[in-house]
Amino acid sequence: MAELEKRDVVLIAIAKDSKRRLLRKKEERGYTFQIIEDRAAKISKLYNMILKEETEGHDKMQVGLPVPSKVLINKNGVIVWRYIGPKEDKPSMEVITEALDRCL
């Protein structure tokens, strides 16, 4: 997180889970970043993070649902970097900071 702070970047998680479940998860795991509830997937739809077809790591039951995504959004609200993968596939901080340095 220190790498993000150096770059004046804020990390926000957006999830379809209930607010209560998100707060419990945040507390259990010691997360310090903000988590936003997106039960109706409005934010996911706005930023085109809905699975449109079956892909590797995503089965047909997930089509039409929000897909785990990591994005960098600039000050104008435009996505400048996107990383999409299954829940288990998370980019390293090195990958994220390299994307930050390139894109923002």
PDB file of N, CA and C in Angstrom:
ATOM      1  N   MET A   1       0.817  -1.198   0.000  1.00  0.00           N
ATOM      2  CA  MET A   1       0.000   0.000   0.000  1.00  0.00           C
ATOM      3  C   MET A   1       0.858   1.258   0.000  1.00  0.00           C
ATOM      4  N   ALA A   2       2.041   1.159   0.558  1.00  0.00           N
ATOM      5  CA  ALA A   2       2.932   2.315   0.590  1.00  0.00           C
ATOM      6  C   ALA A   2       3.281   2.762  -0.829  1.00  0.00           C
ATOM      7  N   GLU A   3       3.424   1.792  -1.749  1.00  0.00           N
ATOM      8  CA  GLU A   3       3.728   2.114  -3.141  1.00  0.00           C
ATOM      9  C   GLU A   3       2.600   2.929  -3.764  1.00  0.00           C
ATOM     10  N   LEU A   4       1.378   2.631  -3.399  1.00  0.00           N
ATOM     11  CA  LEU A   4       0.241   3.384  -3.926  1.00  0.00           C
ATOM     12  C   LEU A   4       0.216   4.791  -3.341  1.00  0.00           C
ATOM     13  N   GLU A   5       0.463   4.900  -2.054  1.00  0.00           N
ATOM     14  CA  GLU A   5       0.485   6.206  -1.404  1.00  0.00           C
ATOM     15  C   GLU A   5       1.548   7.112  -2.003  1.00  0.00           C
ATOM     16  N   LYS A   6       2.718   6.550  -2.320  1.00  0.00           N
ATOM     17  CA  LYS A   6       3.788   7.341  -2.945  1.00  0.00           C
ATOM     18  C   LYS A   6       3.323   7.961  -4.250  1.00  0.00           C
ATOM     19  N   ARG A   7       2.414   7.274  -4.929  1.00  0.00           N
ATOM     20  CA  ARG A   7       1.933   7.728  -6.227  1.00  0.00           C
ATOM     21  C   ARG A   7       0.612   8.499  -6.115  1.00  0.00           C
ATOM     22  N   ASP A   8       0.197   8.785  -4.890  1.00  0.00           N
ATOM     23  CA  ASP A   8      -1.043   9.516  -4.625  1.00  0.00           C
ATOM     24  C   ASP A   8      -2.241   8.798  -5.246  1.00  0.00           C
ATOM     25  N   VAL A   9      -2.309   7.479  -5.010  1.00  0.00           N
ATOM     26  CA  VAL A   9      -3.363   6.630  -5.552  1.00  0.00           C
ATOM     27  C   VAL A   9      -4.151   6.017  -4.403  1.00  0.00           C
ATOM     28  N   VAL A  10      -5.454   5.888  -4.601  1.00  0.00           N
ATOM     29  CA  VAL A  10      -6.335   5.295  -3.599  1.00  0.00           C
ATOM     30  C   VAL A  10      -6.849   3.968  -4.135  1.00  0.00           C
ATOM     31  N   LEU A  11      -6.801   2.930  -3.300  1.00  0.00           N
ATOM     32  CA  LEU A  11      -7.326   1.623  -3.663  1.00  0.00           C
ATOM     33  C   LEU A  11      -8.748   1.505  -3.130  1.00  0.00           C
ATOM     34  N   ILE A  12      -9.649   1.102  -4.010  1.00  0.00           N
ATOM     35  CA  ILE A  12     -11.048   0.885  -3.637  1.00  0.00           C
ATOM     36  C   ILE A  12     -11.463  -0.466  -4.195  1.00  0.00           C
ATOM     37  N   ALA A  13     -12.100  -1.274  -3.377  1.00  0.00           N
ATOM     38  CA  ALA A  13     -12.632  -2.567  -3.836  1.00  0.00           C
ATOM     39  C   ALA A  13     -14.133  -2.415  -4.032  1.00  0.00           C
ATOM     40  N   ILE A  14     -14.627  -3.034  -5.083  1.00  0.00           N
ATOM     41  CA  ILE A  14     -16.061  -3.014  -5.385  1.00  0.00           C
ATOM     42  C   ILE A  14     -16.503  -4.468  -5.469  1.00  0.00           C
ATOM     43  N   ALA A  15     -17.543  -4.813  -4.714  1.00  0.00           N
ATOM     44  CA  ALA A  15     -17.974  -6.207  -4.677  1.00  0.00           C
ATOM     45  C   ALA A  15     -19.492  -6.306  -4.633  1.00  0.00           C
ATOM     46  N   LYS A  16     -19.985  -7.412  -5.137  1.00  0.00           N
ATOM     47  CA  LYS A  16     -21.430  -7.654  -5.191  1.00  0.00           C
ATOM     48  C   LYS A  16     -21.985  -8.160  -3.861  1.00  0.00           C
ATOM     49  N   ASP A  17     -21.110  -8.483  -2.917  1.00  0.00           N
ATOM     50  CA  ASP A  17     -21.539  -8.998  -1.617  1.00  0.00           C
ATOM     51  C   ASP A  17     -22.318  -7.941  -0.836  1.00  0.00           C
ATOM     52  N   SER A  18     -23.046  -8.404   0.180  1.00  0.00           N
ATOM     53  CA  SER A  18     -23.791  -7.484   1.039  1.00  0.00           C
ATOM     54  C   SER A  18     -22.821  -6.643   1.866  1.00  0.00           C
ATOM     55  N   LYS A  19     -23.287  -5.497   2.283  1.00  0.00           N
ATOM     56  CA  LYS A  19     -22.459  -4.589   3.083  1.00  0.00           C
ATOM     57  C   LYS A  19     -21.969  -5.284   4.354  1.00  0.00           C
ATOM     58  N   ARG A  20     -22.843  -6.037   4.995  1.00  0.00           N
ATOM     59  CA  ARG A  20     -22.474  -6.735   6.231  1.00  0.00           C
ATOM     60  C   ARG A  20     -21.353  -7.755   5.975  1.00  0.00           C
ATOM     61  N   ARG A  21     -21.474  -8.512   4.876  1.00  0.00           N
ATOM     62  CA  ARG A  21     -20.441  -9.495   4.557  1.00  0.00           C
ATOM     63  C   ARG A  21     -19.115  -8.808   4.215  1.00  0.00           C
ATOM     64  N   LEU A  22     -19.192  -7.703   3.503  1.00  0.00           N
ATOM     65  CA  LEU A  22     -17.978  -6.970   3.145  1.00  0.00           C
ATOM     66  C   LEU A  22     -17.282  -6.407   4.379  1.00  0.00           C
ATOM     67  N   LEU A  23     -18.065  -5.873   5.311  1.00  0.00           N
ATOM     68  CA  LEU A  23     -17.481  -5.338   6.542  1.00  0.00           C
ATOM     69  C   LEU A  23     -16.830  -6.443   7.368  1.00  0.00           C
ATOM     70  N   ARG A  24     -17.491  -7.598   7.419  1.00  0.00           N
ATOM     71  CA  ARG A  24     -16.928  -8.739   8.158  1.00  0.00           C
ATOM     72  C   ARG A  24     -15.614  -9.187   7.513  1.00  0.00           C
ATOM     73  N   LYS A  25     -15.596  -9.294   6.189  1.00  0.00           N
ATOM     74  CA  LYS A  25     -14.392  -9.694   5.462  1.00  0.00           C
ATOM     75  C   LYS A  25     -13.266  -8.683   5.694  1.00  0.00           C
ATOM     76  N   LYS A  26     -13.615  -7.398   5.634  1.00  0.00           N
ATOM     77  CA  LYS A  26     -12.628  -6.337   5.832  1.00  0.00           C
ATOM     78  C   LYS A  26     -12.009  -6.432   7.229  1.00  0.00           C
ATOM     79  N   GLU A  27     -12.860  -6.665   8.219  1.00  0.00           N
ATOM     80  CA  GLU A  27     -12.400  -6.776   9.599  1.00  0.00           C
ATOM     81  C   GLU A  27     -11.539  -8.027   9.803  1.00  0.00           C
ATOM     82  N   GLU A  28     -12.006  -9.160   9.292  1.00  0.00           N
ATOM     83  CA  GLU A  28     -11.279 -10.431   9.450  1.00  0.00           C
ATOM     84  C   GLU A  28      -9.899 -10.388   8.807  1.00  0.00           C
ATOM     85  N   ARG A  29      -9.819  -9.754   7.656  1.00  0.00           N
ATOM     86  CA  ARG A  29      -8.563  -9.755   6.897  1.00  0.00           C
ATOM     87  C   ARG A  29      -7.707  -8.513   7.131  1.00  0.00           C
ATOM     88  N   GLY A  30      -8.234  -7.574   7.903  1.00  0.00           N
ATOM     89  CA  GLY A  30      -7.460  -6.389   8.233  1.00  0.00           C
ATOM     90  C   GLY A  30      -7.265  -5.422   7.070  1.00  0.00           C
ATOM     91  N   TYR A  31      -8.203  -5.416   6.119  1.00  0.00           N
ATOM     92  CA  TYR A  31      -8.095  -4.499   4.989  1.00  0.00           C
ATOM     93  C   TYR A  31      -8.204  -3.058   5.470  1.00  0.00           C
ATOM     94  N   THR A  32      -7.409  -2.190   4.884  1.00  0.00           N
ATOM     95  CA  THR A  32      -7.454  -0.771   5.250  1.00  0.00           C
ATOM     96  C   THR A  32      -8.052   0.080   4.138  1.00  0.00           C
ATOM     97  N   PHE A  33      -8.357  -0.544   3.004  1.00  0.00           N
ATOM     98  CA  PHE A  33      -8.917   0.212   1.892  1.00  0.00           C
ATOM     99  C   PHE A  33     -10.444   0.193   1.944  1.00  0.00           C
ATOM    100  N   GLN A  34     -11.052   1.096   1.205  1.00  0.00           N
ATOM    101  CA  GLN A  34     -12.502   1.201   1.161  1.00  0.00           C
ATOM    102  C   GLN A  34     -13.086   0.096   0.283  1.00  0.00           C
ATOM    103  N   ILE A  35     -14.205  -0.482   0.728  1.00  0.00           N
ATOM    104  CA  ILE A  35     -14.917  -1.483  -0.054  1.00  0.00           C
ATOM    105  C   ILE A  35     -16.325  -0.961  -0.307  1.00  0.00           C
ATOM    106  N   ILE A  36     -16.707  -0.956  -1.576  1.00  0.00           N
ATOM    107  CA  ILE A  36     -18.012  -0.438  -1.975  1.00  0.00           C
ATOM    108  C   ILE A  36     -18.913  -1.600  -2.374  1.00  0.00           C
ATOM    109  N   GLU A  37     -20.128  -1.599  -1.830  1.00  0.00           N
ATOM    110  CA  GLU A  37     -21.124  -2.610  -2.161  1.00  0.00           C
ATOM    111  C   GLU A  37     -21.751  -2.264  -3.514  1.00  0.00           C
ATOM    112  N   ASP A  38     -21.803  -3.249  -4.410  1.00  0.00           N
ATOM    113  CA  ASP A  38     -22.370  -3.060  -5.749  1.00  0.00           C
ATOM    114  C   ASP A  38     -23.362  -4.189  -6.029  1.00  0.00           C
ATOM    115  N   ARG A  39     -24.377  -4.300  -5.158  1.00  0.00           N
ATOM    116  CA  ARG A  39     -25.339  -5.416  -5.225  1.00  0.00           C
ATOM    117  C   ARG A  39     -26.026  -5.515  -6.588  1.00  0.00           C
ATOM    118  N   ALA A  40     -26.378  -4.407  -7.198  1.00  0.00           N
ATOM    119  CA  ALA A  40     -27.081  -4.426  -8.487  1.00  0.00           C
ATOM    120  C   ALA A  40     -26.108  -4.397  -9.667  1.00  0.00           C
ATOM    121  N   ALA A  41     -24.804  -4.422  -9.373  1.00  0.00           N
ATOM    122  CA  ALA A  41     -23.747  -4.415 -10.394  1.00  0.00           C
ATOM    123  C   ALA A  41     -23.773  -3.163 -11.264  1.00  0.00           C
ATOM    124  N   LYS A  42     -24.278  -2.063 -10.736  1.00  0.00           N
ATOM    125  CA  LYS A  42     -24.331  -0.810 -11.513  1.00  0.00           C
ATOM    126  C   LYS A  42     -22.933  -0.308 -11.865  1.00  0.00           C
ATOM    127  N   ILE A  43     -22.024  -0.350 -10.900  1.00  0.00           N
ATOM    128  CA  ILE A  43     -20.659   0.121 -11.158  1.00  0.00           C
ATOM    129  C   ILE A  43     -19.970  -0.825 -12.131  1.00  0.00           C
ATOM    130  N   SER A  44     -20.159  -2.121 -11.926  1.00  0.00           N
ATOM    131  CA  SER A  44     -19.555  -3.113 -12.817  1.00  0.00           C
ATOM    132  C   SER A  44     -20.038  -2.937 -14.250  1.00  0.00           C
ATOM    133  N   LYS A  45     -21.314  -2.648 -14.413  1.00  0.00           N
ATOM    134  CA  LYS A  45     -21.864  -2.421 -15.761  1.00  0.00           C
ATOM    135  C   LYS A  45     -21.328  -1.116 -16.341  1.00  0.00           C
ATOM    136  N   LEU A  46     -21.254  -0.080 -15.528  1.00  0.00           N
ATOM    137  CA  LEU A  46     -20.768   1.215 -15.991  1.00  0.00           C
ATOM    138  C   LEU A  46     -19.356   1.108 -16.562  1.00  0.00           C
ATOM    139  N   TYR A  47     -18.510   0.320 -15.902  1.00  0.00           N
ATOM    140  CA  TYR A  47     -17.125   0.179 -16.335  1.00  0.00           C
ATOM    141  C   TYR A  47     -16.888  -1.099 -17.147  1.00  0.00           C
ATOM    142  N   ASN A  48     -17.976  -1.702 -17.653  1.00  0.00           N
ATOM    143  CA  ASN A  48     -17.889  -2.856 -18.547  1.00  0.00           C
ATOM    144  C   ASN A  48     -17.096  -4.010 -17.928  1.00  0.00           C
ATOM    145  N   MET A  49     -17.432  -4.352 -16.691  1.00  0.00           N
ATOM    146  CA  MET A  49     -16.766  -5.449 -15.999  1.00  0.00           C
ATOM    147  C   MET A  49     -17.737  -6.609 -15.786  1.00  0.00           C
ATOM    148  N   ILE A  50     -18.567  -6.855 -16.793  1.00  0.00           N
ATOM    149  CA  ILE A  50     -19.525  -7.954 -16.790  1.00  0.00           C
ATOM    150  C   ILE A  50     -19.024  -8.994 -17.782  1.00  0.00           C
ATOM    151  N   LEU A  51     -19.001 -10.252 -17.384  1.00  0.00           N
ATOM    152  CA  LEU A  51     -18.535 -11.320 -18.262  1.00  0.00           C
ATOM    153  C   LEU A  51     -19.532 -11.515 -19.397  1.00  0.00           C
ATOM    154  N   LYS A  52     -19.053 -11.380 -20.625  1.00  0.00           N
ATOM    155  CA  LYS A  52     -19.928 -11.472 -21.789  1.00  0.00           C
ATOM    156  C   LYS A  52     -19.992 -12.880 -22.381  1.00  0.00           C
ATOM    157  N   GLU A  53     -18.960 -13.670 -22.166  1.00  0.00           N
ATOM    158  CA  GLU A  53     -18.936 -15.034 -22.684  1.00  0.00           C
ATOM    159  C   GLU A  53     -18.033 -15.897 -21.819  1.00  0.00           C
ATOM    160  N   GLU A  54     -18.215 -17.185 -21.919  1.00  0.00           N
ATOM    161  CA  GLU A  54     -17.387 -18.126 -21.158  1.00  0.00           C
ATOM    162  C   GLU A  54     -15.932 -18.004 -21.607  1.00  0.00           C
ATOM    163  N   THR A  55     -15.034 -17.923 -20.654  1.00  0.00           N
ATOM    164  CA  THR A  55     -13.609 -17.807 -20.956  1.00  0.00           C
ATOM    165  C   THR A  55     -12.835 -18.730 -20.024  1.00  0.00           C
ATOM    166  N   GLU A  56     -11.537 -18.854 -20.253  1.00  0.00           N
ATOM    167  CA  GLU A  56     -10.705 -19.649 -19.354  1.00  0.00           C
ATOM    168  C   GLU A  56     -10.746 -19.012 -17.963  1.00  0.00           C
ATOM    169  N   GLY A  57     -11.060 -19.787 -16.965  1.00  0.00           N
ATOM    170  CA  GLY A  57     -11.151 -19.273 -15.601  1.00  0.00           C
ATOM    171  C   GLY A  57     -12.544 -18.809 -15.222  1.00  0.00           C
ATOM    172  N   HIS A  58     -13.457 -18.745 -16.207  1.00  0.00           N
ATOM    173  CA  HIS A  58     -14.841 -18.325 -15.958  1.00  0.00           C
ATOM    174  C   HIS A  58     -15.772 -19.273 -16.701  1.00  0.00           C
ATOM    175  N   ASP A  59     -16.692 -19.900 -15.983  1.00  0.00           N
ATOM    176  CA  ASP A  59     -17.595 -20.838 -16.654  1.00  0.00           C
ATOM    177  C   ASP A  59     -18.874 -20.141 -17.102  1.00  0.00           C
ATOM    178  N   LYS A  60     -19.726 -20.882 -17.822  1.00  0.00           N
ATOM    179  CA  LYS A  60     -20.935 -20.288 -18.395  1.00  0.00           C
ATOM    180  C   LYS A  60     -21.912 -19.797 -17.331  1.00  0.00           C
ATOM    181  N   MET A  61     -21.818 -20.298 -16.117  1.00  0.00           N
ATOM    182  CA  MET A  61     -22.699 -19.830 -15.039  1.00  0.00           C
ATOM    183  C   MET A  61     -22.367 -18.396 -14.637  1.00  0.00           C
ATOM    184  N   GLN A  62     -21.167 -17.927 -14.979  1.00  0.00           N
ATOM    185  CA  GLN A  62     -20.742 -16.576 -14.606  1.00  0.00           C
ATOM    186  C   GLN A  62     -21.043 -15.536 -15.691  1.00  0.00           C
ATOM    187  N   VAL A  63     -21.469 -15.988 -16.868  1.00  0.00           N
ATOM    188  CA  VAL A  63     -21.791 -15.059 -17.952  1.00  0.00           C
ATOM    189  C   VAL A  63     -22.924 -14.144 -17.494  1.00  0.00           C
ATOM    190  N   GLY A  64     -22.754 -12.851 -17.711  1.00  0.00           N
ATOM    191  CA  GLY A  64     -23.735 -11.854 -17.304  1.00  0.00           C
ATOM    192  C   GLY A  64     -23.517 -11.317 -15.903  1.00  0.00           C
ATOM    193  N   LEU A  65     -22.544 -11.888 -15.190  1.00  0.00           N
ATOM    194  CA  LEU A  65     -22.246 -11.435 -13.827  1.00  0.00           C
ATOM    195  C   LEU A  65     -20.978 -10.591 -13.821  1.00  0.00           C
ATOM    196  N   PRO A  66     -20.800  -9.789 -12.775  1.00  0.00           N
ATOM    197  CA  PRO A  66     -19.543  -9.040 -12.656  1.00  0.00           C
ATOM    198  C   PRO A  66     -18.366 -10.008 -12.610  1.00  0.00           C
ATOM    199  N   VAL A  67     -17.296  -9.646 -13.275  1.00  0.00           N
ATOM    200  CA  VAL A  67     -16.103 -10.477 -13.334  1.00  0.00           C
ATOM    201  C   VAL A  67     -15.014  -9.820 -12.487  1.00  0.00           C
ATOM    202  N   PRO A  68     -14.258 -10.617 -11.722  1.00  0.00           N
ATOM    203  CA  PRO A  68     -13.183 -10.014 -10.927  1.00  0.00           C
ATOM    204  C   PRO A  68     -12.236  -9.215 -11.826  1.00  0.00           C
ATOM    205  N   SER A  69     -12.129  -7.952 -11.554  1.00  0.00           N
ATOM    206  CA  SER A  69     -11.325  -7.048 -12.374  1.00  0.00           C
ATOM    207  C   SER A  69     -10.511  -6.133 -11.485  1.00  0.00           C
ATOM    208  N   LYS A  70      -9.362  -5.789 -11.978  1.00  0.00           N
ATOM    209  CA  LYS A  70      -8.532  -4.791 -11.324  1.00  0.00           C
ATOM    210  C   LYS A  70      -8.338  -3.698 -12.357  1.00  0.00           C
ATOM    211  N   VAL A  71      -8.694  -2.478 -12.016  1.00  0.00           N
ATOM    212  CA  VAL A  71      -8.611  -1.390 -12.988  1.00  0.00           C
ATOM    213  C   VAL A  71      -7.947  -0.170 -12.364  1.00  0.00           C
ATOM    214  N   LEU A  72      -7.321   0.619 -13.226  1.00  0.00           N
ATOM    215  CA  LEU A  72      -6.828   1.928 -12.833  1.00  0.00           C
ATOM    216  C   LEU A  72      -7.685   2.946 -13.559  1.00  0.00           C
ATOM    217  N   ILE A  73      -8.256   3.854 -12.800  1.00  0.00           N
ATOM    218  CA  ILE A  73      -9.133   4.875 -13.363  1.00  0.00           C
ATOM    219  C   ILE A  73      -8.468   6.221 -13.123  1.00  0.00           C
ATOM    220  N   ASN A  74      -8.323   7.005 -14.180  1.00  0.00           N
ATOM    221  CA  ASN A  74      -7.665   8.311 -14.018  1.00  0.00           C
ATOM    222  C   ASN A  74      -8.621   9.329 -13.399  1.00  0.00           C
ATOM    223  N   LYS A  75      -8.156  10.532 -13.201  1.00  0.00           N
ATOM    224  CA  LYS A  75      -8.951  11.574 -12.541  1.00  0.00           C
ATOM    225  C   LYS A  75     -10.187  11.962 -13.336  1.00  0.00           C
ATOM    226  N   ASN A  76     -10.215  11.615 -14.629  1.00  0.00           N
ATOM    227  CA  ASN A  76     -11.367  11.918 -15.482  1.00  0.00           C
ATOM    228  C   ASN A  76     -12.383  10.777 -15.515  1.00  0.00           C
ATOM    229  N   GLY A  77     -12.132   9.731 -14.730  1.00  0.00           N
ATOM    230  CA  GLY A  77     -13.051   8.604 -14.663  1.00  0.00           C
ATOM    231  C   GLY A  77     -12.889   7.606 -15.795  1.00  0.00           C
ATOM    232  N   VAL A  78     -11.763   7.670 -16.503  1.00  0.00           N
ATOM    233  CA  VAL A  78     -11.505   6.779 -17.632  1.00  0.00           C
ATOM    234  C   VAL A  78     -10.594   5.636 -17.188  1.00  0.00           C
ATOM    235  N   ILE A  79     -10.965   4.410 -17.553  1.00  0.00           N
ATOM    236  CA  ILE A  79     -10.110   3.260 -17.255  1.00  0.00           C
ATOM    237  C   ILE A  79      -8.882   3.341 -18.148  1.00  0.00           C
ATOM    238  N   VAL A  80      -7.700   3.353 -17.517  1.00  0.00           N
ATOM    239  CA  VAL A  80      -6.449   3.427 -18.278  1.00  0.00           C
ATOM    240  C   VAL A  80      -5.675   2.113 -18.231  1.00  0.00           C
ATOM    241  N   TRP A  81      -6.111   1.175 -17.391  1.00  0.00           N
ATOM    242  CA  TRP A  81      -5.476  -0.138 -17.294  1.00  0.00           C
ATOM    243  C   TRP A  81      -6.494  -1.107 -16.726  1.00  0.00           C
ATOM    244  N   ARG A  82      -6.517  -2.304 -17.263  1.00  0.00           N
ATOM    245  CA  ARG A  82      -7.484  -3.313 -16.821  1.00  0.00           C
ATOM    246  C   ARG A  82      -6.788  -4.660 -16.690  1.00  0.00           C
ATOM    247  N   TYR A  83      -7.098  -5.371 -15.626  1.00  0.00           N
ATOM    248  CA  TYR A  83      -6.572  -6.719 -15.396  1.00  0.00           C
ATOM    249  C   TYR A  83      -7.760  -7.570 -14.989  1.00  0.00           C
ATOM    250  N   ILE A  84      -8.122  -8.525 -15.815  1.00  0.00           N
ATOM    251  CA  ILE A  84      -9.284  -9.363 -15.530  1.00  0.00           C
ATOM    252  C   ILE A  84      -8.827 -10.800 -15.364  1.00  0.00           C
ATOM    253  N   GLY A  85      -9.331 -11.443 -14.342  1.00  0.00           N
ATOM    254  CA  GLY A  85      -8.971 -12.835 -14.097  1.00  0.00           C
ATOM    255  C   GLY A  85      -9.878 -13.434 -13.055  1.00  0.00           C
ATOM    256  N   PRO A  86      -9.766 -14.725 -12.821  1.00  0.00           N
ATOM    257  CA  PRO A  86     -10.570 -15.335 -11.767  1.00  0.00           C
ATOM    258  C   PRO A  86     -10.158 -14.789 -10.398  1.00  0.00           C
ATOM    259  N   LYS A  87     -10.994 -15.010  -9.410  1.00  0.00           N
ATOM    260  CA  LYS A  87     -10.732 -14.474  -8.070  1.00  0.00           C
ATOM    261  C   LYS A  87      -9.343 -14.822  -7.557  1.00  0.00           C
ATOM    262  N   GLU A  88      -8.866 -16.019  -7.889  1.00  0.00           N
ATOM    263  CA  GLU A  88      -7.571 -16.476  -7.388  1.00  0.00           C
ATOM    264  C   GLU A  88      -6.398 -15.786  -8.081  1.00  0.00           C
ATOM    265  N   ASP A  89      -6.647 -15.176  -9.217  1.00  0.00           N
ATOM    266  CA  ASP A  89      -5.590 -14.563 -10.028  1.00  0.00           C
ATOM    267  C   ASP A  89      -5.513 -13.071  -9.704  1.00  0.00           C
ATOM    268  N   LYS A  90      -4.537 -12.708  -8.916  1.00  0.00           N
ATOM    269  CA  LYS A  90      -4.392 -11.307  -8.522  1.00  0.00           C
ATOM    270  C   LYS A  90      -3.030 -10.794  -8.992  1.00  0.00           C
ATOM    271  N   PRO A  91      -3.007  -9.621  -9.627  1.00  0.00           N
ATOM    272  CA  PRO A  91      -1.709  -9.086 -10.067  1.00  0.00           C
ATOM    273  C   PRO A  91      -0.858  -8.710  -8.865  1.00  0.00           C
ATOM    274  N   SER A  92       0.434  -8.855  -9.009  1.00  0.00           N
ATOM    275  CA  SER A  92       1.347  -8.480  -7.928  1.00  0.00           C
ATOM    276  C   SER A  92       1.401  -6.961  -7.808  1.00  0.00           C
ATOM    277  N   MET A  93       1.894  -6.466  -6.684  1.00  0.00           N
ATOM    278  CA  MET A  93       2.043  -5.030  -6.503  1.00  0.00           C
ATOM    279  C   MET A  93       3.007  -4.479  -7.551  1.00  0.00           C
ATOM    280  N   GLU A  94       3.992  -5.276  -7.932  1.00  0.00           N
ATOM    281  CA  GLU A  94       4.946  -4.843  -8.962  1.00  0.00           C
ATOM    282  C   GLU A  94       4.229  -4.595 -10.299  1.00  0.00           C
ATOM    283  N   VAL A  95       3.347  -5.498 -10.677  1.00  0.00           N
ATOM    284  CA  VAL A  95       2.584  -5.340 -11.923  1.00  0.00           C
ATOM    285  C   VAL A  95       1.724  -4.081 -11.844  1.00  0.00           C
ATOM    286  N   ILE A  96       1.083  -3.873 -10.709  1.00  0.00           N
ATOM    287  CA  ILE A  96       0.212  -2.707 -10.540  1.00  0.00           C
ATOM    288  C   ILE A  96       1.013  -1.409 -10.569  1.00  0.00           C
ATOM    289  N   THR A  97       2.137  -1.362  -9.858  1.00  0.00           N
ATOM    290  CA  THR A  97       2.913  -0.117  -9.840  1.00  0.00           C
ATOM    291  C   THR A  97       3.535   0.178 -11.203  1.00  0.00           C
ATOM    292  N   GLU A  98       3.926  -0.867 -11.944  1.00  0.00           N
ATOM    293  CA  GLU A  98       4.431  -0.650 -13.309  1.00  0.00           C
ATOM    294  C   GLU A  98       3.320  -0.063 -14.187  1.00  0.00           C
ATOM    295  N   ALA A  99       2.109  -0.568 -14.040  1.00  0.00           N
ATOM    296  CA  ALA A  99       0.966  -0.034 -14.805  1.00  0.00           C
ATOM    297  C   ALA A  99       0.694   1.414 -14.399  1.00  0.00           C
ATOM    298  N   LEU A 100       0.778   1.697 -13.116  1.00  0.00           N
ATOM    299  CA  LEU A 100       0.578   3.075 -12.641  1.00  0.00           C
ATOM    300  C   LEU A 100       1.606   4.008 -13.278  1.00  0.00           C
ATOM    301  N   ASP A 101       2.847   3.609 -13.247  1.00  0.00           N
ATOM    302  CA  ASP A 101       3.914   4.448 -13.784  1.00  0.00           C
ATOM    303  C   ASP A 101       3.748   4.670 -15.283  1.00  0.00           C
ATOM    304  N   ARG A 102       3.220   3.684 -15.990  1.00  0.00           N
ATOM    305  CA  ARG A 102       3.009   3.802 -17.440  1.00  0.00           C
ATOM    306  C   ARG A 102       1.773   4.630 -17.772  1.00  0.00           C
ATOM    307  N   CYS A 103       0.715   4.452 -17.003  1.00  0.00           N
ATOM    308  CA  CYS A 103      -0.608   4.964 -17.403  1.00  0.00           C
ATOM    309  C   CYS A 103      -1.060   6.271 -16.765  1.00  0.00           C
ATOM    310  N   LEU A 104      -0.582   6.545 -15.589  1.00  0.00           N
ATOM    311  CA  LEU A 104      -1.113   7.736 -14.894  1.00  0.00           C
ATOM    312  C   LEU A 104      -0.092   8.866 -14.837  1.00  0.00           C
TER     313      LEU A 104
END
